[in-house]
Amino acid sequence: MRLRRIRGQAEALERAVESGTDCGLLLQQIAALRGATNGLMAEVLDGHLRETFGSSKRGTTGTAVVDPDAEIETLMKLLRTYLK
């Protein structure tokens, strides 16, 4: 779904550039496209971190030493601030 939205925004931006749309409106479209790609990046990174580190912090009894989901969520909140 996100990729279709990004593709639609990119196509709309291309049409706007070709039609000579005002720079202010182009900048607004570019910012929206950047926001959409940053959202996709955050989603993919979240999945990657959960797959990579989700089960790696286990003690000898198989119980979690730390809550990996909480650690990942903290990291993702920090990253999202940089991706805005």
C-alpha atoms as a PDB file:
ATOM      1  CA  MET A   1       0.000   0.000   0.000  1.00  0.00           C
ATOM      2  CA  ARG A   2       2.759   2.459   0.913  1.00  0.00           C
ATOM      3  CA  LEU A   3       4.603   1.783  -2.332  1.00  0.00           C
ATOM      4  CA  ARG A   4       1.496   2.487  -4.403  1.00  0.00           C
ATOM      5  CA  ARG A   5       1.011   5.767  -2.558  1.00  0.00           C
ATOM      6  CA  ILE A   6       4.653   6.710  -3.129  1.00  0.00           C
ATOM      7  CA  ARG A   7       4.405   5.803  -6.810  1.00  0.00           C
ATOM      8  CA  GLY A   8       1.252   7.915  -7.143  1.00  0.00           C
ATOM      9  CA  GLN A   9       2.930  10.858  -5.430  1.00  0.00           C
ATOM     10  CA  ALA A  10       6.022  10.537  -7.643  1.00  0.00           C
ATOM     11  CA  GLU A  11       3.886  10.416 -10.785  1.00  0.00           C
ATOM     12  CA  ALA A  12       1.891  13.452  -9.645  1.00  0.00           C
ATOM     13  CA  LEU A  13       5.128  15.303  -8.948  1.00  0.00           C
ATOM     14  CA  GLU A  14       6.445  14.437 -12.400  1.00  0.00           C
ATOM     15  CA  ARG A  15       3.250  15.745 -14.026  1.00  0.00           C
ATOM     16  CA  ALA A  16       3.418  18.906 -11.921  1.00  0.00           C
ATOM     17  CA  VAL A  17       7.038  19.583 -12.941  1.00  0.00           C
ATOM     18  CA  GLU A  18       6.249  18.965 -16.611  1.00  0.00           C
ATOM     19  CA  SER A  19       3.268  21.314 -16.484  1.00  0.00           C
ATOM     20  CA  GLY A  20       5.279  24.119 -14.895  1.00  0.00           C
ATOM     21  CA  THR A  21       3.553  24.121 -11.518  1.00  0.00           C
ATOM     22  CA  ASP A  22       4.543  26.870  -9.090  1.00  0.00           C
ATOM     23  CA  CYS A  23       7.682  26.102  -7.061  1.00  0.00           C
ATOM     24  CA  GLY A  24       5.853  26.462  -3.744  1.00  0.00           C
ATOM     25  CA  LEU A  25       3.400  23.732  -4.709  1.00  0.00           C
ATOM     26  CA  LEU A  26       6.224  21.542  -6.005  1.00  0.00           C
ATOM     27  CA  LEU A  27       8.060  21.872  -2.710  1.00  0.00           C
ATOM     28  CA  GLN A  28       4.906  20.842  -0.886  1.00  0.00           C
ATOM     29  CA  GLN A  29       4.582  17.736  -3.075  1.00  0.00           C
ATOM     30  CA  ILE A  30       8.263  16.899  -2.586  1.00  0.00           C
ATOM     31  CA  ALA A  31       7.873  17.178   1.191  1.00  0.00           C
ATOM     32  CA  ALA A  32       4.872  14.832   1.085  1.00  0.00           C
ATOM     33  CA  LEU A  33       6.828  12.346  -1.021  1.00  0.00           C
ATOM     34  CA  ARG A  34       9.772  12.532   1.367  1.00  0.00           C
ATOM     35  CA  GLY A  35       7.442  11.914   4.313  1.00  0.00           C
ATOM     36  CA  ALA A  36       5.984   8.866   2.595  1.00  0.00           C
ATOM     37  CA  THR A  37       9.408   7.393   1.817  1.00  0.00           C
ATOM     38  CA  ASN A  38      10.596   8.063   5.363  1.00  0.00           C
ATOM     39  CA  GLY A  39       7.512   6.265   6.678  1.00  0.00           C
ATOM     40  CA  LEU A  40       8.295   3.282   4.468  1.00  0.00           C
ATOM     41  CA  MET A  41      11.915   3.323   5.603  1.00  0.00           C
ATOM     42  CA  ALA A  42      10.832   3.306   9.257  1.00  0.00           C
ATOM     43  CA  GLU A  43       8.447   0.404   8.633  1.00  0.00           C
ATOM     44  CA  VAL A  44      11.091  -1.692   6.854  1.00  0.00           C
ATOM     45  CA  LEU A  45      13.700  -0.878   9.499  1.00  0.00           C
ATOM     46  CA  ASP A  46      11.276  -1.809  12.275  1.00  0.00           C
ATOM     47  CA  GLY A  47      10.644  -5.198  10.669  1.00  0.00           C
ATOM     48  CA  HIS A  48      14.340  -5.769  10.106  1.00  0.00           C
ATOM     49  CA  LEU A  49      15.237  -4.957  13.719  1.00  0.00           C
ATOM     50  CA  ARG A  50      12.493  -7.204  15.063  1.00  0.00           C
ATOM     51  CA  GLU A  51      13.589 -10.092  12.813  1.00  0.00           C
ATOM     52  CA  THR A  52      17.266  -9.606  13.593  1.00  0.00           C
ATOM     53  CA  PHE A  53      17.189  -8.874  17.320  1.00  0.00           C
ATOM     54  CA  GLY A  54      13.779 -10.071  18.465  1.00  0.00           C
ATOM     55  CA  SER A  55      14.948 -13.441  19.729  1.00  0.00           C
ATOM     56  CA  SER A  56      18.671 -12.834  20.264  1.00  0.00           C
ATOM     57  CA  LYS A  57      18.546 -11.589  23.881  1.00  0.00           C
ATOM     58  CA  ARG A  58      17.644 -14.857  25.653  1.00  0.00           C
ATOM     59  CA  GLY A  59      19.003 -16.219  28.892  1.00  0.00           C
ATOM     60  CA  THR A  60      20.039 -19.827  29.499  1.00  0.00           C
ATOM     61  CA  THR A  61      16.473 -20.759  30.494  1.00  0.00           C
ATOM     62  CA  GLY A  62      15.066 -19.281  27.296  1.00  0.00           C
ATOM     63  CA  THR A  63      13.496 -16.318  29.050  1.00  0.00           C
ATOM     64  CA  ALA A  64      14.140 -12.845  27.773  1.00  0.00           C
ATOM     65  CA  VAL A  65      16.952 -11.008  29.573  1.00  0.00           C
ATOM     66  CA  VAL A  66      15.590  -7.682  28.313  1.00  0.00           C
ATOM     67  CA  ASP A  67      12.376  -6.932  26.495  1.00  0.00           C
ATOM     68  CA  PRO A  68      13.569  -6.757  22.874  1.00  0.00           C
ATOM     69  CA  ASP A  69      10.306  -5.236  21.673  1.00  0.00           C
ATOM     70  CA  ALA A  70      10.619  -2.389  24.181  1.00  0.00           C
ATOM     71  CA  GLU A  71      14.238  -1.797  23.182  1.00  0.00           C
ATOM     72  CA  ILE A  72      13.316  -1.775  19.495  1.00  0.00           C
ATOM     73  CA  GLU A  73      10.380   0.568  20.142  1.00  0.00           C
ATOM     74  CA  THR A  74      12.684   3.010  21.958  1.00  0.00           C
ATOM     75  CA  LEU A  75      15.133   2.912  19.057  1.00  0.00           C
ATOM     76  CA  MET A  76      12.364   3.334  16.479  1.00  0.00           C
ATOM     77  CA  LYS A  77      10.970   6.401  18.300  1.00  0.00           C
ATOM     78  CA  LEU A  78      14.416   7.953  18.167  1.00  0.00           C
ATOM     79  CA  LEU A  79      14.861   7.128  14.479  1.00  0.00           C
ATOM     80  CA  ARG A  80      11.429   8.452  13.575  1.00  0.00           C
ATOM     81  CA  THR A  81      12.402  11.855  14.945  1.00  0.00           C
ATOM     82  CA  TYR A  82      15.295  11.939  12.467  1.00  0.00           C
ATOM     83  CA  LEU A  83      13.179  10.689   9.572  1.00  0.00           C
ATOM     84  CA  LYS A  84      10.610  13.510   9.749  1.00  0.00           C
END
